[in-house]
Amino acid sequence: MLKITAIGNLTRDVELRVDETTGIPYAILRIASDRRYRDRDGNKITDFISIKVRGPLAERCAAFAHKGCKLAASGDFETIVFTEDPSRQPGFLIKANEVEFLSPRPADEESEALPACDEDAA
């Protein structure tokens, strides 16, 4: 087993789906994380990581995480091979069993249920 942790900002709002065969809710989160160094031309290098969450964790992510929110996800590393489209390169995703919301909550009481999100962060 290979456990991996990734920290980054959500690239879009969380879309909750339901597995047709099991009826269990799931969501695929996509985060962006800038590397600490730049390429030879001085450009930032950004990695995009896919994270799959299931069950109550997926429901919690859909309720509290929004585009731009910073989060940390830990779980198993899984390689993805696209058999239906051989032209696509293999990739990976994190099958997360832990997600921590890192964006601070807003100070006002009306929106206390939602974490504050930095929409401009990548």
PDB file of N, CA and C in Angstrom:
ATOM      1  N   MET A   1       0.847  -1.176   0.000  1.00  0.00           N
ATOM      2  CA  MET A   1       0.000   0.000   0.000  1.00  0.00           C
ATOM      3  C   MET A   1       0.892   1.239   0.000  1.00  0.00           C
ATOM      4  N   LEU A   2       0.517   2.201  -0.798  1.00  0.00           N
ATOM      5  CA  LEU A   2       1.221   3.467  -0.885  1.00  0.00           C
ATOM      6  C   LEU A   2       0.263   4.556  -0.439  1.00  0.00           C
ATOM      7  N   LYS A   3       0.583   5.262   0.639  1.00  0.00           N
ATOM      8  CA  LYS A   3      -0.257   6.349   1.120  1.00  0.00           C
ATOM      9  C   LYS A   3       0.348   7.660   0.654  1.00  0.00           C
ATOM     10  N   ILE A   4      -0.523   8.551   0.192  1.00  0.00           N
ATOM     11  CA  ILE A   4      -0.059   9.824  -0.345  1.00  0.00           C
ATOM     12  C   ILE A   4      -0.933  10.938   0.221  1.00  0.00           C
ATOM     13  N   THR A   5      -0.318  12.099   0.442  1.00  0.00           N
ATOM     14  CA  THR A   5      -1.033  13.284   0.902  1.00  0.00           C
ATOM     15  C   THR A   5      -0.769  14.408  -0.082  1.00  0.00           C
ATOM     16  N   ALA A   6      -1.819  15.114  -0.453  1.00  0.00           N
ATOM     17  CA  ALA A   6      -1.691  16.244  -1.369  1.00  0.00           C
ATOM     18  C   ALA A   6      -2.437  17.435  -0.787  1.00  0.00           C
ATOM     19  N   ILE A   7      -1.848  18.622  -0.961  1.00  0.00           N
ATOM     20  CA  ILE A   7      -2.466  19.864  -0.512  1.00  0.00           C
ATOM     21  C   ILE A   7      -2.588  20.770  -1.721  1.00  0.00           C
ATOM     22  N   GLY A   8      -3.763  21.374  -1.873  1.00  0.00           N
ATOM     23  CA  GLY A   8      -3.971  22.289  -2.985  1.00  0.00           C
ATOM     24  C   GLY A   8      -5.319  22.957  -2.893  1.00  0.00           C
ATOM     25  N   ASN A   9      -5.643  23.730  -3.919  1.00  0.00           N
ATOM     26  CA  ASN A   9      -6.912  24.454  -3.989  1.00  0.00           C
ATOM     27  C   ASN A   9      -7.828  23.785  -5.005  1.00  0.00           C
ATOM     28  N   LEU A  10      -9.105  23.683  -4.649  1.00  0.00           N
ATOM     29  CA  LEU A  10     -10.083  23.075  -5.550  1.00  0.00           C
ATOM     30  C   LEU A  10     -10.201  23.894  -6.833  1.00  0.00           C
ATOM     31  N   THR A  11     -10.221  23.215  -7.964  1.00  0.00           N
ATOM     32  CA  THR A  11     -10.321  23.902  -9.246  1.00  0.00           C
ATOM     33  C   THR A  11     -11.765  24.169  -9.650  1.00  0.00           C
ATOM     34  N   ARG A  12     -12.720  23.496  -9.012  1.00  0.00           N
ATOM     35  CA  ARG A  12     -14.153  23.728  -9.290  1.00  0.00           C
ATOM     36  C   ARG A  12     -14.968  23.242  -8.096  1.00  0.00           C
ATOM     37  N   ASP A  13     -16.238  23.615  -8.071  1.00  0.00           N
ATOM     38  CA  ASP A  13     -17.127  23.170  -7.004  1.00  0.00           C
ATOM     39  C   ASP A  13     -17.266  21.654  -7.032  1.00  0.00           C
ATOM     40  N   VAL A  14     -17.541  21.070  -5.874  1.00  0.00           N
ATOM     41  CA  VAL A  14     -17.661  19.620  -5.754  1.00  0.00           C
ATOM     42  C   VAL A  14     -19.028  19.184  -6.282  1.00  0.00           C
ATOM     43  N   GLU A  15     -19.021  18.172  -7.149  1.00  0.00           N
ATOM     44  CA  GLU A  15     -20.251  17.620  -7.694  1.00  0.00           C
ATOM     45  C   GLU A  15     -20.445  16.220  -7.122  1.00  0.00           C
ATOM     46  N   LEU A  16     -21.462  16.064  -6.303  1.00  0.00           N
ATOM     47  CA  LEU A  16     -21.754  14.770  -5.678  1.00  0.00           C
ATOM     48  C   LEU A  16     -22.479  13.875  -6.675  1.00  0.00           C
ATOM     49  N   ARG A  17     -22.014  12.637  -6.796  1.00  0.00           N
ATOM     50  CA  ARG A  17     -22.633  11.644  -7.691  1.00  0.00           C
ATOM     51  C   ARG A  17     -22.963  10.404  -6.879  1.00  0.00           C
ATOM     52  N   VAL A  18     -23.738   9.508  -7.465  1.00  0.00           N
ATOM     53  CA  VAL A  18     -24.091   8.266  -6.788  1.00  0.00           C
ATOM     54  C   VAL A  18     -23.693   7.099  -7.688  1.00  0.00           C
ATOM     55  N   ASP A  19     -22.969   6.132  -7.123  1.00  0.00           N
ATOM     56  CA  ASP A  19     -22.571   4.934  -7.861  1.00  0.00           C
ATOM     57  C   ASP A  19     -23.836   4.135  -8.174  1.00  0.00           C
ATOM     58  N   GLU A  20     -24.062   3.846  -9.457  1.00  0.00           N
ATOM     59  CA  GLU A  20     -25.295   3.174  -9.880  1.00  0.00           C
ATOM     60  C   GLU A  20     -25.416   1.750  -9.351  1.00  0.00           C
ATOM     61  N   THR A  21     -24.294   1.067  -9.187  1.00  0.00           N
ATOM     62  CA  THR A  21     -24.367  -0.323  -8.741  1.00  0.00           C
ATOM     63  C   THR A  21     -24.490  -0.460  -7.230  1.00  0.00           C
ATOM     64  N   THR A  22     -23.836   0.432  -6.471  1.00  0.00           N
ATOM     65  CA  THR A  22     -23.854   0.310  -5.009  1.00  0.00           C
ATOM     66  C   THR A  22     -24.766   1.311  -4.323  1.00  0.00           C
ATOM     67  N   GLY A  23     -25.088   2.418  -4.992  1.00  0.00           N
ATOM     68  CA  GLY A  23     -25.896   3.460  -4.385  1.00  0.00           C
ATOM     69  C   GLY A  23     -25.123   4.347  -3.423  1.00  0.00           C
ATOM     70  N   ILE A  24     -23.796   4.198  -3.377  1.00  0.00           N
ATOM     71  CA  ILE A  24     -22.960   4.974  -2.470  1.00  0.00           C
ATOM     72  C   ILE A  24     -22.571   6.291  -3.152  1.00  0.00           C
ATOM     73  N   PRO A  25     -22.721   7.420  -2.443  1.00  0.00           N
ATOM     74  CA  PRO A  25     -22.312   8.695  -3.042  1.00  0.00           C
ATOM     75  C   PRO A  25     -20.795   8.794  -3.155  1.00  0.00           C
ATOM     76  N   TYR A  26     -20.336   9.507  -4.192  1.00  0.00           N
ATOM     77  CA  TYR A  26     -18.910   9.745  -4.366  1.00  0.00           C
ATOM     78  C   TYR A  26     -18.715  11.076  -5.077  1.00  0.00           C
ATOM     79  N   ALA A  27     -17.505  11.572  -5.038  1.00  0.00           N
ATOM     80  CA  ALA A  27     -17.158  12.797  -5.747  1.00  0.00           C
ATOM     81  C   ALA A  27     -15.696  12.710  -6.175  1.00  0.00           C
ATOM     82  N   ILE A  28     -15.401  13.298  -7.311  1.00  0.00           N
ATOM     83  CA  ILE A  28     -14.027  13.425  -7.782  1.00  0.00           C
ATOM     84  C   ILE A  28     -13.641  14.892  -7.596  1.00  0.00           C
ATOM     85  N   LEU A  29     -12.678  15.132  -6.714  1.00  0.00           N
ATOM     86  CA  LEU A  29     -12.182  16.476  -6.476  1.00  0.00           C
ATOM     87  C   LEU A  29     -10.930  16.672  -7.315  1.00  0.00           C
ATOM     88  N   ARG A  30     -10.729  17.855  -7.798  1.00  0.00           N
ATOM     89  CA  ARG A  30      -9.514  18.160  -8.560  1.00  0.00           C
ATOM     90  C   ARG A  30      -8.875  19.368  -7.890  1.00  0.00           C
ATOM     91  N   ILE A  31      -7.623  19.196  -7.477  1.00  0.00           N
ATOM     92  CA  ILE A  31      -6.920  20.295  -6.836  1.00  0.00           C
ATOM     93  C   ILE A  31      -5.718  20.710  -7.670  1.00  0.00           C
ATOM     94  N   ALA A  32      -5.332  21.968  -7.504  1.00  0.00           N
ATOM     95  CA  ALA A  32      -4.144  22.513  -8.168  1.00  0.00           C
ATOM     96  C   ALA A  32      -3.149  22.910  -7.091  1.00  0.00           C
ATOM     97  N   SER A  33      -1.893  22.600  -7.341  1.00  0.00           N
ATOM     98  CA  SER A  33      -0.844  22.931  -6.386  1.00  0.00           C
ATOM     99  C   SER A  33       0.388  23.415  -7.141  1.00  0.00           C
ATOM    100  N   ASP A  34       0.844  24.612  -6.785  1.00  0.00           N
ATOM    101  CA  ASP A  34       2.043  25.157  -7.420  1.00  0.00           C
ATOM    102  C   ASP A  34       3.288  24.535  -6.802  1.00  0.00           C
ATOM    103  N   ARG A  35       4.272  24.251  -7.637  1.00  0.00           N
ATOM    104  CA  ARG A  35       5.556  23.753  -7.131  1.00  0.00           C
ATOM    105  C   ARG A  35       6.347  24.910  -6.539  1.00  0.00           C
ATOM    106  N   ARG A  36       7.321  24.591  -5.736  1.00  0.00           N
ATOM    107  CA  ARG A  36       8.118  25.629  -5.070  1.00  0.00           C
ATOM    108  C   ARG A  36       9.148  26.253  -6.008  1.00  0.00           C
ATOM    109  N   TYR A  37       9.389  25.639  -7.118  1.00  0.00           N
ATOM    110  CA  TYR A  37      10.377  26.161  -8.057  1.00  0.00           C
ATOM    111  C   TYR A  37       9.711  26.450  -9.395  1.00  0.00           C
ATOM    112  N   ARG A  38      10.419  27.116 -10.269  1.00  0.00           N
ATOM    113  CA  ARG A  38       9.891  27.485 -11.590  1.00  0.00           C
ATOM    114  C   ARG A  38      10.681  26.756 -12.679  1.00  0.00           C
ATOM    115  N   ASP A  39      10.142  26.778 -13.891  1.00  0.00           N
ATOM    116  CA  ASP A  39      10.867  26.147 -14.992  1.00  0.00           C
ATOM    117  C   ASP A  39      12.006  27.057 -15.450  1.00  0.00           C
ATOM    118  N   ARG A  40      12.726  26.644 -16.475  1.00  0.00           N
ATOM    119  CA  ARG A  40      13.897  27.405 -16.942  1.00  0.00           C
ATOM    120  C   ARG A  40      13.545  28.805 -17.423  1.00  0.00           C
ATOM    121  N   ASP A  41      12.309  28.986 -17.893  1.00  0.00           N
ATOM    122  CA  ASP A  41      11.880  30.297 -18.390  1.00  0.00           C
ATOM    123  C   ASP A  41      11.293  31.172 -17.282  1.00  0.00           C
ATOM    124  N   GLY A  42      11.255  30.666 -16.042  1.00  0.00           N
ATOM    125  CA  GLY A  42      10.728  31.446 -14.922  1.00  0.00           C
ATOM    126  C   GLY A  42       9.233  31.315 -14.704  1.00  0.00           C
ATOM    127  N   ASN A  43       8.591  30.384 -15.428  1.00  0.00           N
ATOM    128  CA  ASN A  43       7.149  30.183 -15.282  1.00  0.00           C
ATOM    129  C   ASN A  43       6.839  29.257 -14.115  1.00  0.00           C
ATOM    130  N   LYS A  44       5.704  29.528 -13.446  1.00  0.00           N
ATOM    131  CA  LYS A  44       5.260  28.646 -12.376  1.00  0.00           C
ATOM    132  C   LYS A  44       4.874  27.291 -12.957  1.00  0.00           C
ATOM    133  N   ILE A  45       5.111  26.247 -12.193  1.00  0.00           N
ATOM    134  CA  ILE A  45       4.706  24.900 -12.575  1.00  0.00           C
ATOM    135  C   ILE A  45       3.584  24.486 -11.632  1.00  0.00           C
ATOM    136  N   THR A  46       2.443  24.138 -12.190  1.00  0.00           N
ATOM    137  CA  THR A  46       1.286  23.744 -11.396  1.00  0.00           C
ATOM    138  C   THR A  46       0.938  22.298 -11.696  1.00  0.00           C
ATOM    139  N   ASP A  47       0.732  21.525 -10.641  1.00  0.00           N
ATOM    140  CA  ASP A  47       0.286  20.141 -10.781  1.00  0.00           C
ATOM    141  C   ASP A  47      -1.196  20.071 -10.466  1.00  0.00           C
ATOM    142  N   PHE A  48      -1.918  19.215 -11.207  1.00  0.00           N
ATOM    143  CA  PHE A  48      -3.340  18.995 -10.976  1.00  0.00           C
ATOM    144  C   PHE A  48      -3.518  17.552 -10.522  1.00  0.00           C
ATOM    145  N   ILE A  49      -4.170  17.365  -9.389  1.00  0.00           N
ATOM    146  CA  ILE A  49      -4.308  16.047  -8.793  1.00  0.00           C
ATOM    147  C   ILE A  49      -5.786  15.729  -8.624  1.00  0.00           C
ATOM    148  N   SER A  50      -6.186  14.523  -9.027  1.00  0.00           N
ATOM    149  CA  SER A  50      -7.558  14.068  -8.841  1.00  0.00           C
ATOM    150  C   SER A  50      -7.662  13.269  -7.553  1.00  0.00           C
ATOM    151  N   ILE A  51      -8.755  13.480  -6.846  1.00  0.00           N
ATOM    152  CA  ILE A  51      -8.992  12.820  -5.566  1.00  0.00           C
ATOM    153  C   ILE A  51     -10.407  12.262  -5.566  1.00  0.00           C
ATOM    154  N   LYS A  52     -10.538  10.988  -5.236  1.00  0.00           N
ATOM    155  CA  LYS A  52     -11.865  10.371  -5.152  1.00  0.00           C
ATOM    156  C   LYS A  52     -12.229  10.171  -3.687  1.00  0.00           C
ATOM    157  N   VAL A  53     -13.413  10.661  -3.315  1.00  0.00           N
ATOM    158  CA  VAL A  53     -13.932  10.473  -1.956  1.00  0.00           C
ATOM    159  C   VAL A  53     -15.273   9.769  -2.073  1.00  0.00           C
ATOM    160  N   ARG A  54     -15.594   8.941  -1.056  1.00  0.00           N
ATOM    161  CA  ARG A  54     -16.824   8.143  -1.098  1.00  0.00           C
ATOM    162  C   ARG A  54     -17.592   8.280   0.204  1.00  0.00           C
ATOM    163  N   GLY A  55     -18.886   7.955   0.132  1.00  0.00           N
ATOM    164  CA  GLY A  55     -19.736   7.881   1.313  1.00  0.00           C
ATOM    165  C   GLY A  55     -19.913   9.221   2.017  1.00  0.00           C
ATOM    166  N   PRO A  56     -19.954   9.174   3.362  1.00  0.00           N
ATOM    167  CA  PRO A  56     -20.160  10.405   4.133  1.00  0.00           C
ATOM    168  C   PRO A  56     -19.077  11.464   3.899  1.00  0.00           C
ATOM    169  N   LEU A  57     -17.868  11.026   3.605  1.00  0.00           N
ATOM    170  CA  LEU A  57     -16.794  11.984   3.325  1.00  0.00           C
ATOM    171  C   LEU A  57     -17.101  12.771   2.050  1.00  0.00           C
ATOM    172  N   ALA A  58     -17.640  12.113   1.039  1.00  0.00           N
ATOM    173  CA  ALA A  58     -18.030  12.794  -0.203  1.00  0.00           C
ATOM    174  C   ALA A  58     -19.150  13.796   0.070  1.00  0.00           C
ATOM    175  N   GLU A  59     -20.112  13.409   0.901  1.00  0.00           N
ATOM    176  CA  GLU A  59     -21.207  14.312   1.237  1.00  0.00           C
ATOM    177  C   GLU A  59     -20.697  15.532   1.996  1.00  0.00           C
ATOM    178  N   ARG A  60     -19.752  15.315   2.894  1.00  0.00           N
ATOM    179  CA  ARG A  60     -19.176  16.432   3.658  1.00  0.00           C
ATOM    180  C   ARG A  60     -18.399  17.372   2.736  1.00  0.00           C
ATOM    181  N   CYS A  61     -17.639  16.818   1.814  1.00  0.00           N
ATOM    182  CA  CYS A  61     -16.900  17.650   0.859  1.00  0.00           C
ATOM    183  C   CYS A  61     -17.857  18.474  -0.005  1.00  0.00           C
ATOM    184  N   ALA A  62     -18.948  17.849  -0.447  1.00  0.00           N
ATOM    185  CA  ALA A  62     -19.920  18.568  -1.272  1.00  0.00           C
ATOM    186  C   ALA A  62     -20.582  19.695  -0.491  1.00  0.00           C
ATOM    187  N   ALA A  63     -20.768  19.505   0.812  1.00  0.00           N
ATOM    188  CA  ALA A  63     -21.431  20.515   1.637  1.00  0.00           C
ATOM    189  C   ALA A  63     -20.511  21.673   2.000  1.00  0.00           C
ATOM    190  N   PHE A  64     -19.230  21.410   2.229  1.00  0.00           N
ATOM    191  CA  PHE A  64     -18.355  22.430   2.790  1.00  0.00           C
ATOM    192  C   PHE A  64     -17.235  22.922   1.883  1.00  0.00           C
ATOM    193  N   ALA A  65     -16.885  22.199   0.843  1.00  0.00           N
ATOM    194  CA  ALA A  65     -15.770  22.606  -0.014  1.00  0.00           C
ATOM    195  C   ALA A  65     -16.295  23.244  -1.291  1.00  0.00           C
ATOM    196  N   HIS A  66     -15.677  24.355  -1.683  1.00  0.00           N
ATOM    197  CA  HIS A  66     -16.076  25.083  -2.883  1.00  0.00           C
ATOM    198  C   HIS A  66     -14.833  25.488  -3.659  1.00  0.00           C
ATOM    199  N   LYS A  67     -15.038  25.869  -4.903  1.00  0.00           N
ATOM    200  CA  LYS A  67     -13.935  26.268  -5.768  1.00  0.00           C
ATOM    201  C   LYS A  67     -13.024  27.270  -5.053  1.00  0.00           C
ATOM    202  N   GLY A  68     -11.723  26.998  -5.083  1.00  0.00           N
ATOM    203  CA  GLY A  68     -10.742  27.880  -4.483  1.00  0.00           C
ATOM    204  C   GLY A  68     -10.362  27.515  -3.064  1.00  0.00           C
ATOM    205  N   CYS A  69     -11.151  26.665  -2.400  1.00  0.00           N
ATOM    206  CA  CYS A  69     -10.841  26.275  -1.023  1.00  0.00           C
ATOM    207  C   CYS A  69      -9.562  25.440  -0.986  1.00  0.00           C
ATOM    208  N   LYS A  70      -8.755  25.668   0.019  1.00  0.00           N
ATOM    209  CA  LYS A  70      -7.538  24.885   0.199  1.00  0.00           C
ATOM    210  C   LYS A  70      -7.886  23.676   1.056  1.00  0.00           C
ATOM    211  N   LEU A  71      -7.407  22.505   0.633  1.00  0.00           N
ATOM    212  CA  LEU A  71      -7.634  21.296   1.412  1.00  0.00           C
ATOM    213  C   LEU A  71      -6.463  20.347   1.296  1.00  0.00           C
ATOM    214  N   ALA A  72      -6.396  19.443   2.262  1.00  0.00           N
ATOM    215  CA  ALA A  72      -5.390  18.381   2.266  1.00  0.00           C
ATOM    216  C   ALA A  72      -6.137  17.057   2.203  1.00  0.00           C
ATOM    217  N   ALA A  73      -5.709  16.170   1.342  1.00  0.00           N
ATOM    218  CA  ALA A  73      -6.336  14.855   1.199  1.00  0.00           C
ATOM    219  C   ALA A  73      -5.265  13.778   1.318  1.00  0.00           C
ATOM    220  N   SER A  74      -5.584  12.725   2.080  1.00  0.00           N
ATOM    221  CA  SER A  74      -4.670  11.590   2.253  1.00  0.00           C
ATOM    222  C   SER A  74      -5.399  10.309   1.932  1.00  0.00           C
ATOM    223  N   GLY A  75      -4.678   9.398   1.312  1.00  0.00           N
ATOM    224  CA  GLY A  75      -5.268   8.117   0.990  1.00  0.00           C
ATOM    225  C   GLY A  75      -4.347   7.265   0.147  1.00  0.00           C
ATOM    226  N   ASP A  76      -4.930   6.253  -0.465  1.00  0.00           N
ATOM    227  CA  ASP A  76      -4.183   5.322  -1.297  1.00  0.00           C
ATOM    228  C   ASP A  76      -3.970   5.896  -2.689  1.00  0.00           C
ATOM    229  N   PHE A  77      -2.862   5.541  -3.273  1.00  0.00           N
ATOM    230  CA  PHE A  77      -2.475   5.947  -4.616  1.00  0.00           C
ATOM    231  C   PHE A  77      -3.014   4.907  -5.585  1.00  0.00           C
ATOM    232  N   GLU A  78      -3.713   5.355  -6.634  1.00  0.00           N
ATOM    233  CA  GLU A  78      -4.248   4.411  -7.611  1.00  0.00           C
ATOM    234  C   GLU A  78      -3.906   4.867  -9.025  1.00  0.00           C
ATOM    235  N   THR A  79      -3.362   3.966  -9.817  1.00  0.00           N
ATOM    236  CA  THR A  79      -3.046   4.253 -11.210  1.00  0.00           C
ATOM    237  C   THR A  79      -4.295   4.042 -12.058  1.00  0.00           C
ATOM    238  N   ILE A  80      -4.516   4.937 -13.013  1.00  0.00           N
ATOM    239  CA  ILE A  80      -5.681   4.854 -13.900  1.00  0.00           C
ATOM    240  C   ILE A  80      -5.187   4.600 -15.315  1.00  0.00           C
ATOM    241  N   VAL A  81      -5.756   3.603 -15.961  1.00  0.00           N
ATOM    242  CA  VAL A  81      -5.463   3.312 -17.358  1.00  0.00           C
ATOM    243  C   VAL A  81      -6.763   3.462 -18.128  1.00  0.00           C
ATOM    244  N   PHE A  82      -6.742   4.226 -19.211  1.00  0.00           N
ATOM    245  CA  PHE A  82      -7.930   4.489 -20.007  1.00  0.00           C
ATOM    246  C   PHE A  82      -8.026   3.463 -21.135  1.00  0.00           C
ATOM    247  N   THR A  83      -8.720   2.361 -20.887  1.00  0.00           N
ATOM    248  CA  THR A  83      -8.829   1.302 -21.888  1.00  0.00           C
ATOM    249  C   THR A  83      -9.725   1.703 -23.051  1.00  0.00           C
ATOM    250  N   GLU A  84     -10.736   2.553 -22.802  1.00  0.00           N
ATOM    251  CA  GLU A  84     -11.645   2.957 -23.880  1.00  0.00           C
ATOM    252  C   GLU A  84     -11.022   3.991 -24.813  1.00  0.00           C
ATOM    253  N   ASP A  85      -9.943   4.654 -24.366  1.00  0.00           N
ATOM    254  CA  ASP A  85      -9.263   5.644 -25.192  1.00  0.00           C
ATOM    255  C   ASP A  85      -7.752   5.464 -25.039  1.00  0.00           C
ATOM    256  N   PRO A  86      -7.143   4.575 -25.858  1.00  0.00           N
ATOM    257  CA  PRO A  86      -5.711   4.288 -25.715  1.00  0.00           C
ATOM    258  C   PRO A  86      -4.798   5.480 -26.000  1.00  0.00           C
ATOM    259  N   SER A  87      -5.326   6.549 -26.610  1.00  0.00           N
ATOM    260  CA  SER A  87      -4.489   7.714 -26.883  1.00  0.00           C
ATOM    261  C   SER A  87      -4.236   8.534 -25.613  1.00  0.00           C
ATOM    262  N   ARG A  88      -5.078   8.353 -24.591  1.00  0.00           N
ATOM    263  CA  ARG A  88      -4.871   9.072 -23.325  1.00  0.00           C
ATOM    264  C   ARG A  88      -3.770   8.402 -22.522  1.00  0.00           C
ATOM    265  N   GLN A  89      -2.935   9.238 -21.921  1.00  0.00           N
ATOM    266  CA  GLN A  89      -1.847   8.709 -21.102  1.00  0.00           C
ATOM    267  C   GLN A  89      -2.385   8.245 -19.755  1.00  0.00           C
ATOM    268  N   PRO A  90      -1.766   7.207 -19.186  1.00  0.00           N
ATOM    269  CA  PRO A  90      -2.181   6.771 -17.854  1.00  0.00           C
ATOM    270  C   PRO A  90      -1.985   7.897 -16.839  1.00  0.00           C
ATOM    271  N   GLY A  91      -2.771   7.866 -15.804  1.00  0.00           N
ATOM    272  CA  GLY A  91      -2.675   8.878 -14.758  1.00  0.00           C
ATOM    273  C   GLY A  91      -2.809   8.226 -13.400  1.00  0.00           C
ATOM    274  N   PHE A  92      -3.082   9.042 -12.391  1.00  0.00           N
ATOM    275  CA  PHE A  92      -3.290   8.511 -11.062  1.00  0.00           C
ATOM    276  C   PHE A  92      -4.300   9.366 -10.330  1.00  0.00           C
ATOM    277  N   LEU A  93      -4.843   8.822  -9.280  1.00  0.00           N
ATOM    278  CA  LEU A  93      -5.689   9.580  -8.387  1.00  0.00           C
ATOM    279  C   LEU A  93      -5.452   9.110  -6.970  1.00  0.00           C
ATOM    280  N   ILE A  94      -5.902   9.907  -6.037  1.00  0.00           N
ATOM    281  CA  ILE A  94      -5.825   9.551  -4.628  1.00  0.00           C
ATOM    282  C   ILE A  94      -7.207   9.105  -4.195  1.00  0.00           C
ATOM    283  N   LYS A  95      -7.308   7.882  -3.683  1.00  0.00           N
ATOM    284  CA  LYS A  95      -8.563   7.410  -3.089  1.00  0.00           C
ATOM    285  C   LYS A  95      -8.511   7.821  -1.623  1.00  0.00           C
ATOM    286  N   ALA A  96      -9.070   9.009  -1.337  1.00  0.00           N
ATOM    287  CA  ALA A  96      -8.903   9.626  -0.023  1.00  0.00           C
ATOM    288  C   ALA A  96      -9.814   9.012   1.031  1.00  0.00           C
ATOM    289  N   ASN A  97      -9.233   8.775   2.202  1.00  0.00           N
ATOM    290  CA  ASN A  97     -10.024   8.389   3.361  1.00  0.00           C
ATOM    291  C   ASN A  97      -9.961   9.472   4.434  1.00  0.00           C
ATOM    292  N   GLU A  98      -9.190  10.546   4.147  1.00  0.00           N
ATOM    293  CA  GLU A  98      -9.100  11.710   5.027  1.00  0.00           C
ATOM    294  C   GLU A  98      -9.044  12.969   4.175  1.00  0.00           C
ATOM    295  N   VAL A  99      -9.870  13.948   4.524  1.00  0.00           N
ATOM    296  CA  VAL A  99      -9.821  15.258   3.883  1.00  0.00           C
ATOM    297  C   VAL A  99      -9.904  16.301   4.987  1.00  0.00           C
ATOM    298  N   GLU A 100      -8.955  17.238   4.974  1.00  0.00           N
ATOM    299  CA  GLU A 100      -8.948  18.314   5.956  1.00  0.00           C
ATOM    300  C   GLU A 100      -9.119  19.635   5.217  1.00  0.00           C
ATOM    301  N   PHE A 101     -10.101  20.423   5.646  1.00  0.00           N
ATOM    302  CA  PHE A 101     -10.347  21.732   5.049  1.00  0.00           C
ATOM    303  C   PHE A 101      -9.395  22.735   5.689  1.00  0.00           C
ATOM    304  N   LEU A 102      -8.576  23.398   4.888  1.00  0.00           N
ATOM    305  CA  LEU A 102      -7.532  24.284   5.397  1.00  0.00           C
ATOM    306  C   LEU A 102      -7.878  25.764   5.281  1.00  0.00           C
ATOM    307  N   SER A 103      -8.927  26.119   4.540  1.00  0.00           N
ATOM    308  CA  SER A 103      -9.334  27.514   4.432  1.00  0.00           C
ATOM    309  C   SER A 103     -10.030  27.930   5.720  1.00  0.00           C
ATOM    310  N   PRO A 104      -9.748  29.135   6.215  1.00  0.00           N
ATOM    311  CA  PRO A 104     -10.417  29.585   7.440  1.00  0.00           C
ATOM    312  C   PRO A 104     -11.895  29.859   7.205  1.00  0.00           C
ATOM    313  N   ARG A 105     -12.675  29.732   8.271  1.00  0.00           N
ATOM    314  CA  ARG A 105     -14.098  30.049   8.178  1.00  0.00           C
ATOM    315  C   ARG A 105     -14.287  31.557   8.247  1.00  0.00           C
ATOM    316  N   PRO A 106     -15.375  32.069   7.639  1.00  0.00           N
ATOM    317  CA  PRO A 106     -15.642  33.502   7.709  1.00  0.00           C
ATOM    318  C   PRO A 106     -16.001  33.926   9.128  1.00  0.00           C
ATOM    319  N   ALA A 107     -15.777  35.204   9.441  1.00  0.00           N
ATOM    320  CA  ALA A 107     -16.018  35.719  10.781  1.00  0.00           C
ATOM    321  C   ALA A 107     -17.498  35.967  11.059  1.00  0.00           C
ATOM    322  N   ASP A 108     -18.269  36.314  10.047  1.00  0.00           N
ATOM    323  CA  ASP A 108     -19.679  36.619  10.294  1.00  0.00           C
ATOM    324  C   ASP A 108     -20.485  35.361  10.578  1.00  0.00           C
ATOM    325  N   GLU A 109     -21.534  35.501  11.361  1.00  0.00           N
ATOM    326  CA  GLU A 109     -22.325  34.359  11.815  1.00  0.00           C
ATOM    327  C   GLU A 109     -23.204  33.772  10.723  1.00  0.00           C
ATOM    328  N   GLU A 110     -23.641  34.574   9.741  1.00  0.00           N
ATOM    329  CA  GLU A 110     -24.566  34.101   8.723  1.00  0.00           C
ATOM    330  C   GLU A 110     -23.966  32.987   7.863  1.00  0.00           C
ATOM    331  N   SER A 111     -22.716  33.086   7.539  1.00  0.00           N
ATOM    332  CA  SER A 111     -22.083  32.076   6.678  1.00  0.00           C
ATOM    333  C   SER A 111     -21.135  31.185   7.465  1.00  0.00           C
ATOM    334  N   GLU A 112     -21.423  30.978   8.737  1.00  0.00           N
ATOM    335  CA  GLU A 112     -20.545  30.198   9.599  1.00  0.00           C
ATOM    336  C   GLU A 112     -20.430  28.741   9.156  1.00  0.00           C
ATOM    337  N   ALA A 113     -21.437  28.217   8.462  1.00  0.00           N
ATOM    338  CA  ALA A 113     -21.423  26.814   8.049  1.00  0.00           C
ATOM    339  C   ALA A 113     -20.475  26.553   6.881  1.00  0.00           C
ATOM    340  N   LEU A 114     -20.098  27.596   6.132  1.00  0.00           N
ATOM    341  CA  LEU A 114     -19.243  27.407   4.966  1.00  0.00           C
ATOM    342  C   LEU A 114     -17.849  27.950   5.232  1.00  0.00           C
ATOM    343  N   PRO A 115     -16.798  27.238   4.792  1.00  0.00           N
ATOM    344  CA  PRO A 115     -15.449  27.754   4.960  1.00  0.00           C
ATOM    345  C   PRO A 115     -15.187  28.899   3.984  1.00  0.00           C
ATOM    346  N   ALA A 116     -14.327  29.802   4.362  1.00  0.00           N
ATOM    347  CA  ALA A 116     -13.932  30.879   3.452  1.00  0.00           C
ATOM    348  C   ALA A 116     -13.023  30.283   2.390  1.00  0.00           C
ATOM    349  N   CYS A 117     -13.161  30.783   1.183  1.00  0.00           N
ATOM    350  CA  CYS A 117     -12.367  30.274   0.072  1.00  0.00           C
ATOM    351  C   CYS A 117     -11.693  31.422  -0.634  1.00  0.00           C
ATOM    352  N   ASP A 118     -10.477  31.190  -1.052  1.00  0.00           N
ATOM    353  CA  ASP A 118      -9.728  32.168  -1.819  1.00  0.00           C
ATOM    354  C   ASP A 118      -9.919  31.829  -3.284  1.00  0.00           C
ATOM    355  N   GLU A 119     -10.803  32.522  -3.971  1.00  0.00           N
ATOM    356  CA  GLU A 119     -11.146  32.223  -5.361  1.00  0.00           C
ATOM    357  C   GLU A 119      -9.970  32.440  -6.302  1.00  0.00           C
ATOM    358  N   ASP A 120      -9.019  33.322  -5.945  1.00  0.00           N
ATOM    359  CA  ASP A 120      -7.923  33.655  -6.842  1.00  0.00           C
ATOM    360  C   ASP A 120      -6.764  32.681  -6.769  1.00  0.00           C
ATOM    361  N   ALA A 121      -6.726  31.839  -5.741  1.00  0.00           N
ATOM    362  CA  ALA A 121      -5.584  30.936  -5.566  1.00  0.00           C
ATOM    363  C   ALA A 121      -5.665  29.789  -6.563  1.00  0.00           C
ATOM    364  N   ALA A 122      -4.507  29.284  -6.964  1.00  0.00           N
ATOM    365  CA  ALA A 122      -4.482  28.174  -7.922  1.00  0.00           C
ATOM    366  C   ALA A 122      -4.137  26.896  -7.264  1.00  0.00           C
TER     367      ALA A 122
END
